Amino acid sequence: MNDYTGWIVQANAGRDKDGIFCVVGVDPAPHRLLLADGKRRKVSRPKRKKLGHVRCLAPDPHQTGPGEPLMYDHPVVHSLRQGEPVSDRALRRALAAFKEGSTLG
């Protein structure tokens, strides 16, 4: 499975439908993404979700190509990609900045 860590995604299914999350890791055995938003889903207890149940809003800026969604370059994303710990507060601020700078829909 690819490394989706640092991607900003929107949930398409479940009780958290339409929620904006950041991929904080990948669970390789059952092929699930680990999602957190820093508020309802903390980094310490991320939500496990199938790849097909999310829509990518902003992939990692270093893995994008032509025709892919907009990139989102933020220090929190870089920290996640490096495997460094990220606080819930920093993740909330990064997602708020993403929501403010993009129009969803």
PDB file of N, CA and C in Angstrom:
ATOM      1  N   MET A   1       0.850  -1.179   0.000  1.00  0.00           N
ATOM      2  CA  MET A   1       0.000   0.000   0.000  1.00  0.00           C
ATOM      3  C   MET A   1       0.896   1.243   0.000  1.00  0.00           C
ATOM      4  N   ASN A   2       0.478   2.250  -0.714  1.00  0.00           N
ATOM      5  CA  ASN A   2       1.234   3.502  -0.794  1.00  0.00           C
ATOM      6  C   ASN A   2       1.247   4.212   0.550  1.00  0.00           C
ATOM      7  N   ASP A   3       2.148   5.162   0.677  1.00  0.00           N
ATOM      8  CA  ASP A   3       2.203   5.959   1.894  1.00  0.00           C
ATOM      9  C   ASP A   3       1.393   7.232   1.677  1.00  0.00           C
ATOM     10  N   TYR A   4       0.246   7.307   2.303  1.00  0.00           N
ATOM     11  CA  TYR A   4      -0.656   8.448   2.160  1.00  0.00           C
ATOM     12  C   TYR A   4      -0.497   9.438   3.303  1.00  0.00           C
ATOM     13  N   THR A   5       0.484   9.250   4.148  1.00  0.00           N
ATOM     14  CA  THR A   5       0.678  10.112   5.308  1.00  0.00           C
ATOM     15  C   THR A   5       0.839  11.568   4.886  1.00  0.00           C
ATOM     16  N   GLY A   6       0.082  12.441   5.527  1.00  0.00           N
ATOM     17  CA  GLY A   6       0.141  13.866   5.227  1.00  0.00           C
ATOM     18  C   GLY A   6      -0.934  14.346   4.267  1.00  0.00           C
ATOM     19  N   TRP A   7      -1.678  13.430   3.673  1.00  0.00           N
ATOM     20  CA  TRP A   7      -2.743  13.840   2.754  1.00  0.00           C
ATOM     21  C   TRP A   7      -3.903  14.428   3.554  1.00  0.00           C
ATOM     22  N   ILE A   8      -4.585  15.400   2.962  1.00  0.00           N
ATOM     23  CA  ILE A   8      -5.810  15.967   3.530  1.00  0.00           C
ATOM     24  C   ILE A   8      -6.964  15.314   2.777  1.00  0.00           C
ATOM     25  N   VAL A   9      -7.877  14.682   3.518  1.00  0.00           N
ATOM     26  CA  VAL A   9      -8.966  13.936   2.885  1.00  0.00           C
ATOM     27  C   VAL A   9     -10.302  14.340   3.489  1.00  0.00           C
ATOM     28  N   GLN A  10     -11.355  14.028   2.744  1.00  0.00           N
ATOM     29  CA  GLN A  10     -12.726  14.250   3.207  1.00  0.00           C
ATOM     30  C   GLN A  10     -13.425  12.902   3.246  1.00  0.00           C
ATOM     31  N   ALA A  11     -14.095  12.599   4.356  1.00  0.00           N
ATOM     32  CA  ALA A  11     -14.792  11.327   4.511  1.00  0.00           C
ATOM     33  C   ALA A  11     -16.032  11.303   3.620  1.00  0.00           C
ATOM     34  N   ASN A  12     -16.218  10.202   2.891  1.00  0.00           N
ATOM     35  CA  ASN A  12     -17.377  10.030   2.015  1.00  0.00           C
ATOM     36  C   ASN A  12     -18.452   9.163   2.644  1.00  0.00           C
ATOM     37  N   ALA A  13     -18.118   8.423   3.691  1.00  0.00           N
ATOM     38  CA  ALA A  13     -19.055   7.471   4.271  1.00  0.00           C
ATOM     39  C   ALA A  13     -18.902   7.450   5.789  1.00  0.00           C
ATOM     40  N   GLY A  14     -19.952   6.956   6.441  1.00  0.00           N
ATOM     41  CA  GLY A  14     -19.909   6.807   7.888  1.00  0.00           C
ATOM     42  C   GLY A  14     -20.450   8.012   8.617  1.00  0.00           C
ATOM     43  N   ARG A  15     -20.386   7.947   9.941  1.00  0.00           N
ATOM     44  CA  ARG A  15     -20.939   9.031  10.759  1.00  0.00           C
ATOM     45  C   ARG A  15     -20.130  10.310  10.650  1.00  0.00           C
ATOM     46  N   ASP A  16     -18.896  10.195  10.187  1.00  0.00           N
ATOM     47  CA  ASP A  16     -18.046  11.373  10.009  1.00  0.00           C
ATOM     48  C   ASP A  16     -18.040  11.860   8.561  1.00  0.00           C
ATOM     49  N   LYS A  17     -19.093  11.519   7.808  1.00  0.00           N
ATOM     50  CA  LYS A  17     -19.198  11.922   6.408  1.00  0.00           C
ATOM     51  C   LYS A  17     -19.055  13.434   6.274  1.00  0.00           C
ATOM     52  N   ASP A  18     -18.318  13.868   5.260  1.00  0.00           N
ATOM     53  CA  ASP A  18     -18.029  15.267   4.945  1.00  0.00           C
ATOM     54  C   ASP A  18     -17.031  15.911   5.914  1.00  0.00           C
ATOM     55  N   GLY A  19     -16.499  15.148   6.860  1.00  0.00           N
ATOM     56  CA  GLY A  19     -15.483  15.676   7.761  1.00  0.00           C
ATOM     57  C   GLY A  19     -14.132  15.755   7.064  1.00  0.00           C
ATOM     58  N   ILE A  20     -13.327  16.735   7.442  1.00  0.00           N
ATOM     59  CA  ILE A  20     -11.994  16.919   6.873  1.00  0.00           C
ATOM     60  C   ILE A  20     -10.977  16.360   7.865  1.00  0.00           C
ATOM     61  N   PHE A  21     -10.093  15.499   7.371  1.00  0.00           N
ATOM     62  CA  PHE A  21      -9.104  14.839   8.207  1.00  0.00           C
ATOM     63  C   PHE A  21      -7.737  14.889   7.548  1.00  0.00           C
ATOM     64  N   CYS A  22      -6.723  14.614   8.341  1.00  0.00           N
ATOM     65  CA  CYS A  22      -5.366  14.459   7.840  1.00  0.00           C
ATOM     66  C   CYS A  22      -4.973  13.003   8.057  1.00  0.00           C
ATOM     67  N   VAL A  23      -4.337  12.405   7.079  1.00  0.00           N
ATOM     68  CA  VAL A  23      -3.872  11.027   7.207  1.00  0.00           C
ATOM     69  C   VAL A  23      -2.594  11.055   8.044  1.00  0.00           C
ATOM     70  N   VAL A  24      -2.649  10.437   9.231  1.00  0.00           N
ATOM     71  CA  VAL A  24      -1.502  10.432  10.126  1.00  0.00           C
ATOM     72  C   VAL A  24      -0.725   9.123  10.062  1.00  0.00           C
ATOM     73  N   GLY A  25      -1.220   8.169   9.290  1.00  0.00           N
ATOM     74  CA  GLY A  25      -0.525   6.893   9.139  1.00  0.00           C
ATOM     75  C   GLY A  25      -1.337   5.937   8.291  1.00  0.00           C
ATOM     76  N   VAL A  26      -0.761   4.764   8.069  1.00  0.00           N
ATOM     77  CA  VAL A  26      -1.417   3.723   7.279  1.00  0.00           C
ATOM     78  C   VAL A  26      -1.308   2.419   8.048  1.00  0.00           C
ATOM     79  N   ASP A  27      -2.427   1.712   8.169  1.00  0.00           N
ATOM     80  CA  ASP A  27      -2.444   0.392   8.804  1.00  0.00           C
ATOM     81  C   ASP A  27      -2.358  -0.626   7.678  1.00  0.00           C
ATOM     82  N   PRO A  28      -1.178  -1.218   7.432  1.00  0.00           N
ATOM     83  CA  PRO A  28      -0.981  -2.036   6.231  1.00  0.00           C
ATOM     84  C   PRO A  28      -1.739  -3.353   6.204  1.00  0.00           C
ATOM     85  N   ALA A  29      -1.978  -3.983   7.347  1.00  0.00           N
ATOM     86  CA  ALA A  29      -2.605  -5.302   7.338  1.00  0.00           C
ATOM     87  C   ALA A  29      -4.023  -5.262   6.755  1.00  0.00           C
ATOM     88  N   PRO A  30      -4.930  -4.437   7.296  1.00  0.00           N
ATOM     89  CA  PRO A  30      -6.274  -4.403   6.712  1.00  0.00           C
ATOM     90  C   PRO A  30      -6.441  -3.324   5.646  1.00  0.00           C
ATOM     91  N   HIS A  31      -5.348  -2.681   5.215  1.00  0.00           N
ATOM     92  CA  HIS A  31      -5.398  -1.629   4.192  1.00  0.00           C
ATOM     93  C   HIS A  31      -6.344  -0.506   4.583  1.00  0.00           C
ATOM     94  N   ARG A  32      -6.037   0.121   5.715  1.00  0.00           N
ATOM     95  CA  ARG A  32      -6.840   1.233   6.223  1.00  0.00           C
ATOM     96  C   ARG A  32      -5.953   2.460   6.418  1.00  0.00           C
ATOM     97  N   LEU A  33      -6.545   3.626   6.214  1.00  0.00           N
ATOM     98  CA  LEU A  33      -5.866   4.879   6.510  1.00  0.00           C
ATOM     99  C   LEU A  33      -6.165   5.237   7.962  1.00  0.00           C
ATOM    100  N   LEU A  34      -5.227   5.874   8.625  1.00  0.00           N
ATOM    101  CA  LEU A  34      -5.423   6.352   9.993  1.00  0.00           C
ATOM    102  C   LEU A  34      -5.630   7.856   9.923  1.00  0.00           C
ATOM    103  N   LEU A  35      -6.839   8.307  10.275  1.00  0.00           N
ATOM    104  CA  LEU A  35      -7.226   9.710  10.117  1.00  0.00           C
ATOM    105  C   LEU A  35      -7.387  10.389  11.465  1.00  0.00           C
ATOM    106  N   ALA A  36      -6.997  11.656  11.517  1.00  0.00           N
ATOM    107  CA  ALA A  36      -7.182  12.459  12.722  1.00  0.00           C
ATOM    108  C   ALA A  36      -7.513  13.882  12.308  1.00  0.00           C
ATOM    109  N   ASP A  37      -8.288  14.561  13.162  1.00  0.00           N
ATOM    110  CA  ASP A  37      -8.580  15.979  12.942  1.00  0.00           C
ATOM    111  C   ASP A  37      -8.149  16.824  14.125  1.00  0.00           C
ATOM    112  N   GLY A  38      -7.670  16.205  15.198  1.00  0.00           N
ATOM    113  CA  GLY A  38      -7.190  16.931  16.356  1.00  0.00           C
ATOM    114  C   GLY A  38      -8.275  17.326  17.331  1.00  0.00           C
ATOM    115  N   LYS A  39      -9.537  17.118  16.969  1.00  0.00           N
ATOM    116  CA  LYS A  39     -10.637  17.493  17.860  1.00  0.00           C
ATOM    117  C   LYS A  39     -11.443  16.254  18.250  1.00  0.00           C
ATOM    118  N   ARG A  40     -12.266  15.755  17.351  1.00  0.00           N
ATOM    119  CA  ARG A  40     -13.025  14.538  17.643  1.00  0.00           C
ATOM    120  C   ARG A  40     -12.143  13.304  17.558  1.00  0.00           C
ATOM    121  N   ARG A  41     -11.217  13.314  16.628  1.00  0.00           N
ATOM    122  CA  ARG A  41     -10.277  12.206  16.458  1.00  0.00           C
ATOM    123  C   ARG A  41      -8.881  12.706  16.726  1.00  0.00           C
ATOM    124  N   LYS A  42      -8.349  12.337  17.877  1.00  0.00           N
ATOM    125  CA  LYS A  42      -7.020  12.775  18.296  1.00  0.00           C
ATOM    126  C   LYS A  42      -5.947  11.979  17.548  1.00  0.00           C
ATOM    127  N   VAL A  43      -4.752  12.523  17.511  1.00  0.00           N
ATOM    128  CA  VAL A  43      -3.625  11.861  16.869  1.00  0.00           C
ATOM    129  C   VAL A  43      -3.291  10.563  17.599  1.00  0.00           C
ATOM    130  N   SER A  44      -3.512  10.532  18.907  1.00  0.00           N
ATOM    131  CA  SER A  44      -3.208   9.335  19.692  1.00  0.00           C
ATOM    132  C   SER A  44      -4.202   8.203  19.445  1.00  0.00           C
ATOM    133  N   ARG A  45      -5.407   8.523  18.970  1.00  0.00           N
ATOM    134  CA  ARG A  45      -6.437   7.517  18.663  1.00  0.00           C
ATOM    135  C   ARG A  45      -7.078   7.838  17.320  1.00  0.00           C
ATOM    136  N   PRO A  46      -6.346   7.607  16.218  1.00  0.00           N
ATOM    137  CA  PRO A  46      -6.894   7.965  14.904  1.00  0.00           C
ATOM    138  C   PRO A  46      -8.007   7.025  14.454  1.00  0.00           C
ATOM    139  N   LYS A  47      -8.814   7.532  13.554  1.00  0.00           N
ATOM    140  CA  LYS A  47      -9.914   6.776  12.954  1.00  0.00           C
ATOM    141  C   LYS A  47      -9.364   5.910  11.841  1.00  0.00           C
ATOM    142  N   ARG A  48      -9.706   4.629  11.830  1.00  0.00           N
ATOM    143  CA  ARG A  48      -9.313   3.735  10.733  1.00  0.00           C
ATOM    144  C   ARG A  48     -10.408   3.773   9.671  1.00  0.00           C
ATOM    145  N   LYS A  49     -10.017   4.028   8.428  1.00  0.00           N
ATOM    146  CA  LYS A  49     -11.004   4.147   7.361  1.00  0.00           C
ATOM    147  C   LYS A  49     -10.427   3.582   6.071  1.00  0.00           C
ATOM    148  N   LYS A  50     -11.272   2.908   5.305  1.00  0.00           N
ATOM    149  CA  LYS A  50     -10.852   2.370   4.016  1.00  0.00           C
ATOM    150  C   LYS A  50     -10.545   3.500   3.036  1.00  0.00           C
ATOM    151  N   LEU A  51      -9.605   3.233   2.153  1.00  0.00           N
ATOM    152  CA  LEU A  51      -9.205   4.222   1.158  1.00  0.00           C
ATOM    153  C   LEU A  51     -10.380   4.621   0.274  1.00  0.00           C
ATOM    154  N   GLY A  52     -11.265   3.706  -0.040  1.00  0.00           N
ATOM    155  CA  GLY A  52     -12.407   3.994  -0.889  1.00  0.00           C
ATOM    156  C   GLY A  52     -13.474   4.841  -0.224  1.00  0.00           C
ATOM    157  N   HIS A  53     -13.367   5.035   1.092  1.00  0.00           N
ATOM    158  CA  HIS A  53     -14.363   5.809   1.817  1.00  0.00           C
ATOM    159  C   HIS A  53     -13.929   7.239   2.079  1.00  0.00           C
ATOM    160  N   VAL A  54     -12.840   7.667   1.415  1.00  0.00           N
ATOM    161  CA  VAL A  54     -12.371   9.041   1.541  1.00  0.00           C
ATOM    162  C   VAL A  54     -12.100   9.620   0.163  1.00  0.00           C
ATOM    163  N   ARG A  55     -12.153  10.939   0.101  1.00  0.00           N
ATOM    164  CA  ARG A  55     -11.842  11.660  -1.135  1.00  0.00           C
ATOM    165  C   ARG A  55     -10.645  12.547  -0.846  1.00  0.00           C
ATOM    166  N   CYS A  56      -9.640  12.440  -1.680  1.00  0.00           N
ATOM    167  CA  CYS A  56      -8.418  13.209  -1.480  1.00  0.00           C
ATOM    168  C   CYS A  56      -8.655  14.668  -1.863  1.00  0.00           C
ATOM    169  N   LEU A  57      -8.351  15.567  -0.928  1.00  0.00           N
ATOM    170  CA  LEU A  57      -8.459  16.998  -1.198  1.00  0.00           C
ATOM    171  C   LEU A  57      -7.101  17.595  -1.509  1.00  0.00           C
ATOM    172  N   ALA A  58      -6.065  17.102  -0.843  1.00  0.00           N
ATOM    173  CA  ALA A  58      -4.708  17.608  -1.066  1.00  0.00           C
ATOM    174  C   ALA A  58      -3.706  16.514  -0.731  1.00  0.00           C
ATOM    175  N   PRO A  59      -3.084  15.919  -1.751  1.00  0.00           N
ATOM    176  CA  PRO A  59      -2.061  14.909  -1.487  1.00  0.00           C
ATOM    177  C   PRO A  59      -0.770  15.557  -1.002  1.00  0.00           C
ATOM    178  N   ASP A  60       0.180  14.730  -0.660  1.00  0.00           N
ATOM    179  CA  ASP A  60       1.497  15.215  -0.256  1.00  0.00           C
ATOM    180  C   ASP A  60       2.084  16.039  -1.390  1.00  0.00           C
ATOM    181  N   PRO A  61       2.621  17.235  -1.120  1.00  0.00           N
ATOM    182  CA  PRO A  61       3.108  18.108  -2.190  1.00  0.00           C
ATOM    183  C   PRO A  61       4.259  17.522  -3.001  1.00  0.00           C
ATOM    184  N   HIS A  62       4.963  16.535  -2.462  1.00  0.00           N
ATOM    185  CA  HIS A  62       6.105  15.966  -3.174  1.00  0.00           C
ATOM    186  C   HIS A  62       5.720  14.794  -4.072  1.00  0.00           C
ATOM    187  N   GLN A  63       4.458  14.361  -4.032  1.00  0.00           N
ATOM    188  CA  GLN A  63       4.028  13.217  -4.819  1.00  0.00           C
ATOM    189  C   GLN A  63       2.947  13.568  -5.834  1.00  0.00           C
ATOM    190  N   THR A  64       2.772  14.817  -6.161  1.00  0.00           N
ATOM    191  CA  THR A  64       1.700  15.197  -7.071  1.00  0.00           C
ATOM    192  C   THR A  64       2.188  15.264  -8.509  1.00  0.00           C
ATOM    193  N   GLY A  65       1.277  15.085  -9.386  1.00  0.00           N
ATOM    194  CA  GLY A  65       1.567  15.176 -10.801  1.00  0.00           C
ATOM    195  C   GLY A  65       0.504  16.010 -11.477  1.00  0.00           C
ATOM    196  N   PRO A  66       0.551  16.116 -12.795  1.00  0.00           N
ATOM    197  CA  PRO A  66      -0.462  16.905 -13.499  1.00  0.00           C
ATOM    198  C   PRO A  66      -1.854  16.297 -13.347  1.00  0.00           C
ATOM    199  N   GLY A  67      -2.829  17.157 -13.166  1.00  0.00           N
ATOM    200  CA  GLY A  67      -4.210  16.704 -13.066  1.00  0.00           C
ATOM    201  C   GLY A  67      -4.610  16.204 -11.685  1.00  0.00           C
ATOM    202  N   GLU A  68      -3.712  16.285 -10.707  1.00  0.00           N
ATOM    203  CA  GLU A  68      -4.035  15.829  -9.362  1.00  0.00           C
ATOM    204  C   GLU A  68      -4.595  16.995  -8.547  1.00  0.00           C
ATOM    205  N   PRO A  69      -5.211  16.709  -7.378  1.00  0.00           N
ATOM    206  CA  PRO A  69      -5.765  17.787  -6.559  1.00  0.00           C
ATOM    207  C   PRO A  69      -4.694  18.783  -6.127  1.00  0.00           C
ATOM    208  N   LEU A  70      -5.150  19.933  -5.639  1.00  0.00           N
ATOM    209  CA  LEU A  70      -4.238  20.985  -5.199  1.00  0.00           C
ATOM    210  C   LEU A  70      -3.319  20.492  -4.091  1.00  0.00           C
ATOM    211  N   MET A  71      -2.087  21.000  -4.092  1.00  0.00           N
ATOM    212  CA  MET A  71      -1.135  20.635  -3.065  1.00  0.00           C
ATOM    213  C   MET A  71      -1.375  21.477  -1.818  1.00  0.00           C
ATOM    214  N   TYR A  72      -0.992  20.948  -0.677  1.00  0.00           N
ATOM    215  CA  TYR A  72      -1.080  21.684   0.578  1.00  0.00           C
ATOM    216  C   TYR A  72       0.254  21.531   1.288  1.00  0.00           C
ATOM    217  N   ASP A  73       0.986  22.624   1.346  1.00  0.00           N
ATOM    218  CA  ASP A  73       2.313  22.624   1.933  1.00  0.00           C
ATOM    219  C   ASP A  73       2.244  23.314   3.291  1.00  0.00           C
ATOM    220  N   HIS A  74       2.423  22.549   4.367  1.00  0.00           N
ATOM    221  CA  HIS A  74       2.320  23.081   5.727  1.00  0.00           C
ATOM    222  C   HIS A  74       3.350  22.359   6.596  1.00  0.00           C
ATOM    223  N   PRO A  75       3.923  23.029   7.602  1.00  0.00           N
ATOM    224  CA  PRO A  75       4.916  22.383   8.465  1.00  0.00           C
ATOM    225  C   PRO A  75       4.411  21.121   9.156  1.00  0.00           C
ATOM    226  N   VAL A  76       3.123  21.057   9.491  1.00  0.00           N
ATOM    227  CA  VAL A  76       2.572  19.862  10.134  1.00  0.00           C
ATOM    228  C   VAL A  76       2.638  18.673   9.176  1.00  0.00           C
ATOM    229  N   VAL A  77       2.337  18.920   7.903  1.00  0.00           N
ATOM    230  CA  VAL A  77       2.406  17.858   6.899  1.00  0.00           C
ATOM    231  C   VAL A  77       3.842  17.353   6.776  1.00  0.00           C
ATOM    232  N   HIS A  78       4.794  18.259   6.781  1.00  0.00           N
ATOM    233  CA  HIS A  78       6.205  17.860   6.706  1.00  0.00           C
ATOM    234  C   HIS A  78       6.600  17.036   7.927  1.00  0.00           C
ATOM    235  N   SER A  79       6.131  17.428   9.099  1.00  0.00           N
ATOM    236  CA  SER A  79       6.442  16.680  10.315  1.00  0.00           C
ATOM    237  C   SER A  79       5.874  15.269  10.248  1.00  0.00           C
ATOM    238  N   LEU A  80       4.639  15.145   9.762  1.00  0.00           N
ATOM    239  CA  LEU A  80       4.036  13.820   9.626  1.00  0.00           C
ATOM    240  C   LEU A  80       4.824  12.947   8.660  1.00  0.00           C
ATOM    241  N   ARG A  81       5.222  13.519   7.539  1.00  0.00           N
ATOM    242  CA  ARG A  81       5.982  12.766   6.534  1.00  0.00           C
ATOM    243  C   ARG A  81       7.336  12.310   7.078  1.00  0.00           C
ATOM    244  N   GLN A  82       7.918  13.092   7.999  1.00  0.00           N
ATOM    245  CA  GLN A  82       9.211  12.752   8.591  1.00  0.00           C
ATOM    246  C   GLN A  82       9.058  11.769   9.751  1.00  0.00           C
ATOM    247  N   GLY A  83       7.838  11.479  10.164  1.00  0.00           N
ATOM    248  CA  GLY A  83       7.608  10.559  11.262  1.00  0.00           C
ATOM    249  C   GLY A  83       7.721  11.212  12.629  1.00  0.00           C
ATOM    250  N   GLU A  84       7.725  12.525  12.655  1.00  0.00           N
ATOM    251  CA  GLU A  84       7.818  13.253  13.915  1.00  0.00           C
ATOM    252  C   GLU A  84       6.440  13.355  14.565  1.00  0.00           C
ATOM    253  N   PRO A  85       6.377  13.413  15.893  1.00  0.00           N
ATOM    254  CA  PRO A  85       5.072  13.557  16.558  1.00  0.00           C
ATOM    255  C   PRO A  85       4.469  14.928  16.292  1.00  0.00           C
ATOM    256  N   VAL A  86       3.157  14.944  16.178  1.00  0.00           N
ATOM    257  CA  VAL A  86       2.415  16.176  15.909  1.00  0.00           C
ATOM    258  C   VAL A  86       1.356  16.320  16.986  1.00  0.00           C
ATOM    259  N   SER A  87       1.189  17.532  17.494  1.00  0.00           N
ATOM    260  CA  SER A  87       0.175  17.760  18.525  1.00  0.00           C
ATOM    261  C   SER A  87      -1.200  17.937  17.881  1.00  0.00           C
ATOM    262  N   ASP A  88      -2.220  17.671  18.674  1.00  0.00           N
ATOM    263  CA  ASP A  88      -3.590  17.861  18.188  1.00  0.00           C
ATOM    264  C   ASP A  88      -3.847  19.322  17.861  1.00  0.00           C
ATOM    265  N   ARG A  89      -3.303  20.196  18.655  1.00  0.00           N
ATOM    266  CA  ARG A  89      -3.484  21.632  18.426  1.00  0.00           C
ATOM    267  C   ARG A  89      -2.894  22.063  17.085  1.00  0.00           C
ATOM    268  N   ALA A  90      -1.680  21.591  16.793  1.00  0.00           N
ATOM    269  CA  ALA A  90      -1.042  21.926  15.516  1.00  0.00           C
ATOM    270  C   ALA A  90      -1.833  21.358  14.348  1.00  0.00           C
ATOM    271  N   LEU A  91      -2.364  20.148  14.509  1.00  0.00           N
ATOM    272  CA  LEU A  91      -3.160  19.537  13.442  1.00  0.00           C
ATOM    273  C   LEU A  91      -4.453  20.315  13.219  1.00  0.00           C
ATOM    274  N   ARG A  92      -5.112  20.733  14.285  1.00  0.00           N
ATOM    275  CA  ARG A  92      -6.335  21.541  14.149  1.00  0.00           C
ATOM    276  C   ARG A  92      -6.047  22.836  13.406  1.00  0.00           C
ATOM    277  N   ARG A  93      -4.940  23.478  13.741  1.00  0.00           N
ATOM    278  CA  ARG A  93      -4.588  24.731  13.080  1.00  0.00           C
ATOM    279  C   ARG A  93      -4.264  24.516  11.603  1.00  0.00           C
ATOM    280  N   ALA A  94      -3.585  23.430  11.289  1.00  0.00           N
ATOM    281  CA  ALA A  94      -3.257  23.143   9.892  1.00  0.00           C
ATOM    282  C   ALA A  94      -4.526  22.878   9.084  1.00  0.00           C
ATOM    283  N   LEU A  95      -5.454  22.121   9.650  1.00  0.00           N
ATOM    284  CA  LEU A  95      -6.709  21.849   8.940  1.00  0.00           C
ATOM    285  C   LEU A  95      -7.555  23.106   8.812  1.00  0.00           C
ATOM    286  N   ALA A  96      -7.548  23.952   9.829  1.00  0.00           N
ATOM    287  CA  ALA A  96      -8.282  25.224   9.743  1.00  0.00           C
ATOM    288  C   ALA A  96      -7.703  26.108   8.655  1.00  0.00           C
ATOM    289  N   ALA A  97      -6.384  26.141   8.557  1.00  0.00           N
ATOM    290  CA  ALA A  97      -5.746  26.936   7.502  1.00  0.00           C
ATOM    291  C   ALA A  97      -6.070  26.360   6.125  1.00  0.00           C
ATOM    292  N   PHE A  98      -6.149  25.039   6.024  1.00  0.00           N
ATOM    293  CA  PHE A  98      -6.504  24.423   4.745  1.00  0.00           C
ATOM    294  C   PHE A  98      -7.939  24.775   4.366  1.00  0.00           C
ATOM    295  N   LYS A  99      -8.854  24.676   5.314  1.00  0.00           N
ATOM    296  CA  LYS A  99     -10.266  24.995   5.047  1.00  0.00           C
ATOM    297  C   LYS A  99     -10.434  26.451   4.645  1.00  0.00           C
ATOM    298  N   GLU A 100      -9.677  27.317   5.289  1.00  0.00           N
ATOM    299  CA  GLU A 100      -9.758  28.748   4.990  1.00  0.00           C
ATOM    300  C   GLU A 100      -9.225  29.065   3.599  1.00  0.00           C
ATOM    301  N   GLY A 101      -8.218  28.349   3.178  1.00  0.00           N
ATOM    302  CA  GLY A 101      -7.574  28.642   1.895  1.00  0.00           C
ATOM    303  C   GLY A 101      -8.158  27.901   0.713  1.00  0.00           C
ATOM    304  N   SER A 102      -9.117  27.010   0.923  1.00  0.00           N
ATOM    305  CA  SER A 102      -9.693  26.258  -0.193  1.00  0.00           C
ATOM    306  C   SER A 102     -11.212  26.317  -0.134  1.00  0.00           C
ATOM    307  N   THR A 103     -11.812  26.117  -1.286  1.00  0.00           N
ATOM    308  CA  THR A 103     -13.264  26.021  -1.349  1.00  0.00           C
ATOM    309  C   THR A 103     -13.610  24.572  -1.600  1.00  0.00           C
ATOM    310  N   LEU A 104     -14.378  23.978  -0.698  1.00  0.00           N
ATOM    311  CA  LEU A 104     -14.735  22.567  -0.821  1.00  0.00           C
ATOM    312  C   LEU A 104     -16.022  22.440  -1.598  1.00  0.00           C
ATOM    313  N   GLY A 105     -16.066  21.414  -2.412  1.00  0.00           N
ATOM    314  CA  GLY A 105     -17.297  21.190  -3.143  1.00  0.00           C
ATOM    315  C   GLY A 105     -17.021  20.759  -4.469  1.00  0.00           C
TER     316      GLY A 105
END
